């Protein structure tokens, strides 16, 4: 290939695609868990403080780039105000 910069860009894009597919797969697994076996764990949440702790853990564990997303921050702000 005559343009190594273009090759690097193509490789980076392919890596991003693979990572996005892997993340999507993990989100699907988590969603499935929470609607199945995890449903019992969720039913054990009894206080606003417990719910707040769980939601904070979820937010802290998300992709750092997405944590900076305006919609994600707005959702967290609303949740924080309600709890």
PDB file of N, CA and C in Angstrom:
ATOM      1  N   UNK A   1       0.849  -1.166   0.000  1.00  0.00           N
ATOM      2  CA  UNK A   1       0.000   0.000   0.000  1.00  0.00           C
ATOM      3  C   UNK A   1       0.895   1.231   0.000  1.00  0.00           C
ATOM      4  N   UNK A   2       0.538   2.199  -0.776  1.00  0.00           N
ATOM      5  CA  UNK A   2       1.373   3.383  -0.933  1.00  0.00           C
ATOM      6  C   UNK A   2       1.175   4.398   0.189  1.00  0.00           C
ATOM      7  N   UNK A   3       0.061   4.346   0.892  1.00  0.00           N
ATOM      8  CA  UNK A   3      -0.226   5.332   1.915  1.00  0.00           C
ATOM      9  C   UNK A   3      -0.312   4.652   3.283  1.00  0.00           C
ATOM     10  N   UNK A   4       0.807   4.649   4.058  1.00  0.00           N
ATOM     11  CA  UNK A   4       0.786   3.977   5.363  1.00  0.00           C
ATOM     12  C   UNK A   4      -0.183   4.631   6.356  1.00  0.00           C
ATOM     13  N   UNK A   5      -0.425   5.920   6.215  1.00  0.00           N
ATOM     14  CA  UNK A   5      -1.363   6.598   7.099  1.00  0.00           C
ATOM     15  C   UNK A   5      -2.773   6.063   6.890  1.00  0.00           C
ATOM     16  N   UNK A   6      -3.127   5.843   5.641  1.00  0.00           N
ATOM     17  CA  UNK A   6      -4.443   5.290   5.325  1.00  0.00           C
ATOM     18  C   UNK A   6      -4.568   3.877   5.883  1.00  0.00           C
ATOM     19  N   UNK A   7      -3.520   3.092   5.761  1.00  0.00           N
ATOM     20  CA  UNK A   7      -3.524   1.733   6.292  1.00  0.00           C
ATOM     21  C   UNK A   7      -3.716   1.757   7.814  1.00  0.00           C
ATOM     22  N   UNK A   8      -3.004   2.656   8.494  1.00  0.00           N
ATOM     23  CA  UNK A   8      -3.146   2.773   9.943  1.00  0.00           C
ATOM     24  C   UNK A   8      -4.576   3.140  10.313  1.00  0.00           C
ATOM     25  N   UNK A   9      -5.173   4.049   9.557  1.00  0.00           N
ATOM     26  CA  UNK A   9      -6.549   4.472   9.828  1.00  0.00           C
ATOM     27  C   UNK A   9      -7.527   3.305   9.636  1.00  0.00           C
ATOM     28  N   UNK A  10      -7.328   2.544   8.600  1.00  0.00           N
ATOM     29  CA  UNK A  10      -8.194   1.386   8.342  1.00  0.00           C
ATOM     30  C   UNK A  10      -8.065   0.371   9.471  1.00  0.00           C
ATOM     31  N   UNK A  11      -6.842   0.128   9.927  1.00  0.00           N
ATOM     32  CA  UNK A  11      -6.612  -0.818  11.015  1.00  0.00           C
ATOM     33  C   UNK A  11      -7.291  -0.327  12.293  1.00  0.00           C
ATOM     34  N   UNK A  12      -7.138   0.962  12.594  1.00  0.00           N
ATOM     35  CA  UNK A  12      -7.780   1.528  13.781  1.00  0.00           C
ATOM     36  C   UNK A  12      -9.296   1.384  13.709  1.00  0.00           C
ATOM     37  N   UNK A  13      -9.870   1.632  12.552  1.00  0.00           N
ATOM     38  CA  UNK A  13     -11.320   1.508  12.392  1.00  0.00           C
ATOM     39  C   UNK A  13     -11.776   0.072  12.599  1.00  0.00           C
ATOM     40  N   UNK A  14     -11.010  -0.868  12.092  1.00  0.00           N
ATOM     41  CA  UNK A  14     -11.365  -2.275  12.264  1.00  0.00           C
ATOM     42  C   UNK A  14     -11.271  -2.696  13.727  1.00  0.00           C
ATOM     43  N   UNK A  15     -10.250  -2.212  14.416  1.00  0.00           N
ATOM     44  CA  UNK A  15     -10.108  -2.515  15.839  1.00  0.00           C
ATOM     45  C   UNK A  15     -11.287  -1.943  16.611  1.00  0.00           C
ATOM     46  N   UNK A  16     -11.689  -0.712  16.289  1.00  0.00           N
ATOM     47  CA  UNK A  16     -12.845  -0.097  16.947  1.00  0.00           C
ATOM     48  C   UNK A  16     -14.106  -0.917  16.714  1.00  0.00           C
ATOM     49  N   UNK A  17     -14.281  -1.417  15.488  1.00  0.00           N
ATOM     50  CA  UNK A  17     -15.451  -2.239  15.186  1.00  0.00           C
ATOM     51  C   UNK A  17     -15.479  -3.487  16.050  1.00  0.00           C
ATOM     52  N   UNK A  18     -14.332  -4.147  16.173  1.00  0.00           N
ATOM     53  CA  UNK A  18     -14.241  -5.368  16.968  1.00  0.00           C
ATOM     54  C   UNK A  18     -14.539  -5.063  18.432  1.00  0.00           C
ATOM     55  N   UNK A  19     -13.960  -3.976  18.955  1.00  0.00           N
ATOM     56  CA  UNK A  19     -14.204  -3.597  20.345  1.00  0.00           C
ATOM     57  C   UNK A  19     -15.670  -3.254  20.580  1.00  0.00           C
ATOM     58  N   UNK A  20     -16.277  -2.533  19.653  1.00  0.00           N
ATOM     59  CA  UNK A  20     -17.688  -2.179  19.794  1.00  0.00           C
ATOM     60  C   UNK A  20     -18.570  -3.416  19.785  1.00  0.00           C
ATOM     61  N   UNK A  21     -18.233  -4.384  18.939  1.00  0.00           N
ATOM     62  CA  UNK A  21     -18.994  -5.628  18.895  1.00  0.00           C
ATOM     63  C   UNK A  21     -18.846  -6.378  20.210  1.00  0.00           C
ATOM     64  N   UNK A  22     -17.640  -6.396  20.772  1.00  0.00           N
ATOM     65  CA  UNK A  22     -17.403  -7.082  22.043  1.00  0.00           C
ATOM     66  C   UNK A  22     -18.172  -6.384  23.157  1.00  0.00           C
ATOM     67  N   UNK A  23     -18.145  -5.054  23.182  1.00  0.00           N
ATOM     68  CA  UNK A  23     -18.879  -4.313  24.204  1.00  0.00           C
ATOM     69  C   UNK A  23     -20.365  -4.542  24.059  1.00  0.00           C
ATOM     70  N   UNK A  24     -20.855  -4.553  22.837  1.00  0.00           N
ATOM     71  CA  UNK A  24     -22.276  -4.796  22.605  1.00  0.00           C
ATOM     72  C   UNK A  24     -22.656  -6.173  23.119  1.00  0.00           C
ATOM     73  N   UNK A  25     -21.795  -7.145  22.893  1.00  0.00           N
ATOM     74  CA  UNK A  25     -22.045  -8.500  23.360  1.00  0.00           C
ATOM     75  C   UNK A  25     -22.113  -8.534  24.882  1.00  0.00           C
ATOM     76  N   UNK A  26     -21.221  -7.808  25.543  1.00  0.00           N
ATOM     77  CA  UNK A  26     -21.215  -7.767  27.001  1.00  0.00           C
ATOM     78  C   UNK A  26     -22.474  -7.082  27.531  1.00  0.00           C
ATOM     79  N   UNK A  27     -22.910  -6.030  26.865  1.00  0.00           N
ATOM     80  CA  UNK A  27     -24.144  -5.349  27.271  1.00  0.00           C
ATOM     81  C   UNK A  27     -25.320  -6.299  27.134  1.00  0.00           C
ATOM     82  N   UNK A  28     -25.349  -7.055  26.061  1.00  0.00           N
ATOM     83  CA  UNK A  28     -26.411  -8.039  25.850  1.00  0.00           C
ATOM     84  C   UNK A  28     -26.395  -9.083  26.957  1.00  0.00           C
ATOM     85  N   UNK A  29     -25.207  -9.553  27.329  1.00  0.00           N
ATOM     86  CA  UNK A  29     -25.088 -10.545  28.402  1.00  0.00           C
ATOM     87  C   UNK A  29     -25.584  -9.973  29.728  1.00  0.00           C
ATOM     88  N   UNK A  30     -25.202  -8.730  30.017  1.00  0.00           N
ATOM     89  CA  UNK A  30     -25.625  -8.100  31.267  1.00  0.00           C
ATOM     90  C   UNK A  30     -27.139  -7.916  31.302  1.00  0.00           C
ATOM     91  N   UNK A  31     -27.691  -7.458  30.190  1.00  0.00           N
ATOM     92  CA  UNK A  31     -29.144  -7.271  30.110  1.00  0.00           C
ATOM     93  C   UNK A  31     -29.861  -8.599  30.316  1.00  0.00           C
ATOM     94  N   UNK A  32     -29.352  -9.645  29.701  1.00  0.00           N
ATOM     95  CA  UNK A  32     -29.935 -10.975  29.849  1.00  0.00           C
ATOM     96  C   UNK A  32     -29.838 -11.448  31.296  1.00  0.00           C
ATOM     97  N   UNK A  33     -28.695 -11.232  31.917  1.00  0.00           N
ATOM     98  CA  UNK A  33     -28.506 -11.625  33.318  1.00  0.00           C
ATOM     99  C   UNK A  33     -29.502 -10.904  34.223  1.00  0.00           C
ATOM    100  N   UNK A  34     -29.643  -9.607  34.011  1.00  0.00           N
ATOM    101  CA  UNK A  34     -30.523  -8.823  34.878  1.00  0.00           C
ATOM    102  C   UNK A  34     -31.992  -9.189  34.701  1.00  0.00           C
ATOM    103  N   UNK A  35     -32.353  -9.665  33.535  1.00  0.00           N
ATOM    104  CA  UNK A  35     -33.745 -10.070  33.344  1.00  0.00           C
ATOM    105  C   UNK A  35     -33.957 -11.532  33.751  1.00  0.00           C
ATOM    106  N   UNK A  36     -32.869 -12.251  33.994  1.00  0.00           N
ATOM    107  CA  UNK A  36     -32.963 -13.651  34.406  1.00  0.00           C
ATOM    108  C   UNK A  36     -32.503 -13.831  35.840  1.00  0.00           C
ATOM    109  N   UNK A  37     -31.339 -14.437  36.003  1.00  0.00           N
ATOM    110  CA  UNK A  37     -30.802 -14.742  37.332  1.00  0.00           C
ATOM    111  C   UNK A  37     -30.579 -13.488  38.175  1.00  0.00           C
ATOM    112  N   UNK A  38     -30.192 -12.406  37.553  1.00  0.00           N
ATOM    113  CA  UNK A  38     -29.934 -11.168  38.281  1.00  0.00           C
ATOM    114  C   UNK A  38     -31.176 -10.507  38.832  1.00  0.00           C
ATOM    115  N   UNK A  39     -32.316 -10.947  38.339  1.00  0.00           N
ATOM    116  CA  UNK A  39     -33.577 -10.368  38.803  1.00  0.00           C
ATOM    117  C   UNK A  39     -33.747 -10.584  40.308  1.00  0.00           C
ATOM    118  N   UNK A  40     -33.299 -11.733  40.799  1.00  0.00           N
ATOM    119  CA  UNK A  40     -33.372 -12.013  42.233  1.00  0.00           C
ATOM    120  C   UNK A  40     -32.510 -11.032  43.007  1.00  0.00           C
ATOM    121  N   UNK A  41     -31.309 -10.766  42.508  1.00  0.00           N
ATOM    122  CA  UNK A  41     -30.424  -9.817  43.184  1.00  0.00           C
ATOM    123  C   UNK A  41     -31.043  -8.426  43.197  1.00  0.00           C
ATOM    124  N   UNK A  42     -31.653  -8.042  42.092  1.00  0.00           N
ATOM    125  CA  UNK A  42     -32.290  -6.723  42.029  1.00  0.00           C
ATOM    126  C   UNK A  42     -33.459  -6.619  43.001  1.00  0.00           C
ATOM    127  N   UNK A  43     -34.156  -7.724  43.219  1.00  0.00           N
ATOM    128  CA  UNK A  43     -35.310  -7.697  44.119  1.00  0.00           C
ATOM    129  C   UNK A  43     -34.889  -7.514  45.573  1.00  0.00           C
ATOM    130  N   UNK A  44     -33.593  -7.642  45.859  1.00  0.00           N
ATOM    131  CA  UNK A  44     -33.082  -7.471  47.213  1.00  0.00           C
ATOM    132  C   UNK A  44     -32.788  -6.009  47.543  1.00  0.00           C
ATOM    133  N   UNK A  45     -32.924  -5.113  46.578  1.00  0.00           N
ATOM    134  CA  UNK A  45     -32.709  -3.689  46.822  1.00  0.00           C
ATOM    135  C   UNK A  45     -33.929  -3.165  47.570  1.00  0.00           C
ATOM    136  N   UNK A  46     -33.680  -2.647  48.780  1.00  0.00           N
ATOM    137  CA  UNK A  46     -34.786  -2.244  49.647  1.00  0.00           C
ATOM    138  C   UNK A  46     -34.790  -0.775  50.039  1.00  0.00           C
ATOM    139  N   UNK A  47     -33.683  -0.085  49.800  1.00  0.00           N
ATOM    140  CA  UNK A  47     -33.606   1.304  50.239  1.00  0.00           C
ATOM    141  C   UNK A  47     -33.065   2.194  49.115  1.00  0.00           C
ATOM    142  N   UNK A  48     -33.391   3.475  49.169  1.00  0.00           N
ATOM    143  CA  UNK A  48     -32.830   4.389  48.169  1.00  0.00           C
ATOM    144  C   UNK A  48     -31.299   4.403  48.201  1.00  0.00           C
ATOM    145  N   UNK A  49     -30.720   4.214  49.379  1.00  0.00           N
ATOM    146  CA  UNK A  49     -29.258   4.201  49.497  1.00  0.00           C
ATOM    147  C   UNK A  49     -28.657   2.996  48.765  1.00  0.00           C
ATOM    148  N   UNK A  50     -29.311   1.854  48.883  1.00  0.00           N
ATOM    149  CA  UNK A  50     -28.833   0.663  48.156  1.00  0.00           C
ATOM    150  C   UNK A  50     -28.940   0.880  46.656  1.00  0.00           C
ATOM    151  N   UNK A  51     -30.057   1.417  46.220  1.00  0.00           N
ATOM    152  CA  UNK A  51     -30.240   1.684  44.798  1.00  0.00           C
ATOM    153  C   UNK A  51     -29.206   2.686  44.305  1.00  0.00           C
ATOM    154  N   UNK A  52     -28.969   3.727  45.089  1.00  0.00           N
ATOM    155  CA  UNK A  52     -27.976   4.736  44.730  1.00  0.00           C
ATOM    156  C   UNK A  52     -26.594   4.103  44.588  1.00  0.00           C
ATOM    157  N   UNK A  53     -26.257   3.220  45.518  1.00  0.00           N
ATOM    158  CA  UNK A  53     -24.956   2.542  45.457  1.00  0.00           C
ATOM    159  C   UNK A  53     -24.807   1.693  44.205  1.00  0.00           C
ATOM    160  N   UNK A  54     -25.860   0.968  43.856  1.00  0.00           N
ATOM    161  CA  UNK A  54     -25.832   0.125  42.656  1.00  0.00           C
ATOM    162  C   UNK A  54     -25.691   0.983  41.404  1.00  0.00           C
ATOM    163  N   UNK A  55     -26.498   2.028  41.314  1.00  0.00           N
ATOM    164  CA  UNK A  55     -26.454   2.885  40.122  1.00  0.00           C
ATOM    165  C   UNK A  55     -25.117   3.605  40.004  1.00  0.00           C
ATOM    166  N   UNK A  56     -24.529   4.006  41.126  1.00  0.00           N
ATOM    167  CA  UNK A  56     -23.205   4.628  41.088  1.00  0.00           C
ATOM    168  C   UNK A  56     -22.150   3.637  40.608  1.00  0.00           C
ATOM    169  N   UNK A  57     -22.266   2.379  41.037  1.00  0.00           N
ATOM    170  CA  UNK A  57     -21.330   1.348  40.592  1.00  0.00           C
ATOM    171  C   UNK A  57     -21.466   1.110  39.092  1.00  0.00           C
ATOM    172  N   UNK A  58     -22.698   1.093  38.596  1.00  0.00           N
ATOM    173  CA  UNK A  58     -22.932   0.919  37.159  1.00  0.00           C
ATOM    174  C   UNK A  58     -22.302   2.070  36.393  1.00  0.00           C
ATOM    175  N   UNK A  59     -22.567   3.277  36.839  1.00  0.00           N
ATOM    176  CA  UNK A  59     -22.029   4.448  36.141  1.00  0.00           C
ATOM    177  C   UNK A  59     -20.501   4.447  36.177  1.00  0.00           C
ATOM    178  N   UNK A  60     -19.925   4.125  37.330  1.00  0.00           N
ATOM    179  CA  UNK A  60     -18.465   4.105  37.471  1.00  0.00           C
ATOM    180  C   UNK A  60     -17.819   3.042  36.585  1.00  0.00           C
ATOM    181  N   UNK A  61     -18.562   1.972  36.317  1.00  0.00           N
ATOM    182  CA  UNK A  61     -18.013   0.890  35.517  1.00  0.00           C
ATOM    183  C   UNK A  61     -18.198   1.046  34.016  1.00  0.00           C
ATOM    184  N   UNK A  62     -18.928   2.073  33.607  1.00  0.00           N
ATOM    185  CA  UNK A  62     -19.167   2.278  32.172  1.00  0.00           C
ATOM    186  C   UNK A  62     -17.904   2.781  31.483  1.00  0.00           C
ATOM    187  N   UNK A  63     -17.941   2.695  30.189  1.00  0.00           N
ATOM    188  CA  UNK A  63     -16.861   3.220  29.359  1.00  0.00           C
ATOM    189  C   UNK A  63     -16.602   4.672  29.743  1.00  0.00           C
ATOM    190  N   UNK A  64     -15.336   5.025  30.076  1.00  0.00           N
ATOM    191  CA  UNK A  64     -15.033   6.402  30.493  1.00  0.00           C
ATOM    192  C   UNK A  64     -15.469   7.465  29.487  1.00  0.00           C
ATOM    193  N   UNK A  65     -15.386   7.161  28.223  1.00  0.00           N
ATOM    194  CA  UNK A  65     -15.838   8.112  27.209  1.00  0.00           C
ATOM    195  C   UNK A  65     -17.336   8.334  27.272  1.00  0.00           C
ATOM    196  N   UNK A  66     -18.079   7.266  27.542  1.00  0.00           N
ATOM    197  CA  UNK A  66     -19.531   7.389  27.616  1.00  0.00           C
ATOM    198  C   UNK A  66     -19.955   8.105  28.888  1.00  0.00           C
ATOM    199  N   UNK A  67     -19.154   7.977  29.954  1.00  0.00           N
ATOM    200  CA  UNK A  67     -19.462   8.688  31.188  1.00  0.00           C
ATOM    201  C   UNK A  67     -19.508  10.200  30.950  1.00  0.00           C
ATOM    202  N   UNK A  68     -18.765  10.660  29.960  1.00  0.00           N
ATOM    203  CA  UNK A  68     -18.717  12.090  29.634  1.00  0.00           C
ATOM    204  C   UNK A  68     -19.830  12.503  28.674  1.00  0.00           C
ATOM    205  N   UNK A  69     -20.565  11.536  28.160  1.00  0.00           N
ATOM    206  CA  UNK A  69     -21.663  11.800  27.232  1.00  0.00           C
ATOM    207  C   UNK A  69     -22.730  12.641  27.916  1.00  0.00           C
ATOM    208  N   UNK A  70     -23.201  13.662  27.229  1.00  0.00           N
ATOM    209  CA  UNK A  70     -24.175  14.598  27.811  1.00  0.00           C
ATOM    210  C   UNK A  70     -25.448  13.885  28.280  1.00  0.00           C
ATOM    211  N   UNK A  71     -25.945  12.945  27.495  1.00  0.00           N
ATOM    212  CA  UNK A  71     -27.166  12.231  27.879  1.00  0.00           C
ATOM    213  C   UNK A  71     -26.927  11.357  29.111  1.00  0.00           C
ATOM    214  N   UNK A  72     -25.777  10.690  29.153  1.00  0.00           N
ATOM    215  CA  UNK A  72     -25.455   9.855  30.309  1.00  0.00           C
ATOM    216  C   UNK A  72     -25.343  10.714  31.563  1.00  0.00           C
ATOM    217  N   UNK A  73     -24.703  11.852  31.440  1.00  0.00           N
ATOM    218  CA  UNK A  73     -24.567  12.753  32.592  1.00  0.00           C
ATOM    219  C   UNK A  73     -25.924  13.298  33.030  1.00  0.00           C
ATOM    220  N   UNK A  74     -26.779  13.600  32.068  1.00  0.00           N
ATOM    221  CA  UNK A  74     -28.122  14.114  32.397  1.00  0.00           C
ATOM    222  C   UNK A  74     -28.930  13.051  33.133  1.00  0.00           C
ATOM    223  N   UNK A  75     -28.842  11.817  32.684  1.00  0.00           N
ATOM    224  CA  UNK A  75     -29.559  10.721  33.346  1.00  0.00           C
ATOM    225  C   UNK A  75     -29.043  10.554  34.773  1.00  0.00           C
ATOM    226  N   UNK A  76     -27.729  10.573  34.924  1.00  0.00           N
ATOM    227  CA  UNK A  76     -27.150  10.428  36.264  1.00  0.00           C
ATOM    228  C   UNK A  76     -27.574  11.582  37.161  1.00  0.00           C
ATOM    229  N   UNK A  77     -27.615  12.784  36.618  1.00  0.00           N
ATOM    230  CA  UNK A  77     -28.013  13.951  37.406  1.00  0.00           C
ATOM    231  C   UNK A  77     -29.459  13.805  37.905  1.00  0.00           C
ATOM    232  N   UNK A  78     -30.355  13.359  37.021  1.00  0.00           N
ATOM    233  CA  UNK A  78     -31.749  13.157  37.404  1.00  0.00           C
ATOM    234  C   UNK A  78     -31.855  12.091  38.484  1.00  0.00           C
ATOM    235  N   UNK A  79     -31.133  11.014  38.305  1.00  0.00           N
ATOM    236  CA  UNK A  79     -31.151   9.930  39.303  1.00  0.00           C
ATOM    237  C   UNK A  79     -30.634  10.451  40.638  1.00  0.00           C
ATOM    238  N   UNK A  80     -29.522  11.164  40.608  1.00  0.00           N
ATOM    239  CA  UNK A  80     -28.951  11.701  41.845  1.00  0.00           C
ATOM    240  C   UNK A  80     -29.921  12.648  42.552  1.00  0.00           C
ATOM    241  N   UNK A  81     -30.647  13.441  41.778  1.00  0.00           N
ATOM    242  CA  UNK A  81     -31.595  14.376  42.385  1.00  0.00           C
ATOM    243  C   UNK A  81     -32.763  13.637  43.028  1.00  0.00           C
ATOM    244  N   UNK A  82     -33.164  12.520  42.426  1.00  0.00           N
ATOM    245  CA  UNK A  82     -34.309  11.758  42.940  1.00  0.00           C
ATOM    246  C   UNK A  82     -33.931  10.915  44.159  1.00  0.00           C
ATOM    247  N   UNK A  83     -32.669  10.503  44.230  1.00  0.00           N
ATOM    248  CA  UNK A  83     -32.249   9.643  45.348  1.00  0.00           C
ATOM    249  C   UNK A  83     -31.578  10.486  46.394  1.00  0.00           C
TER     250      UNK A  83
END
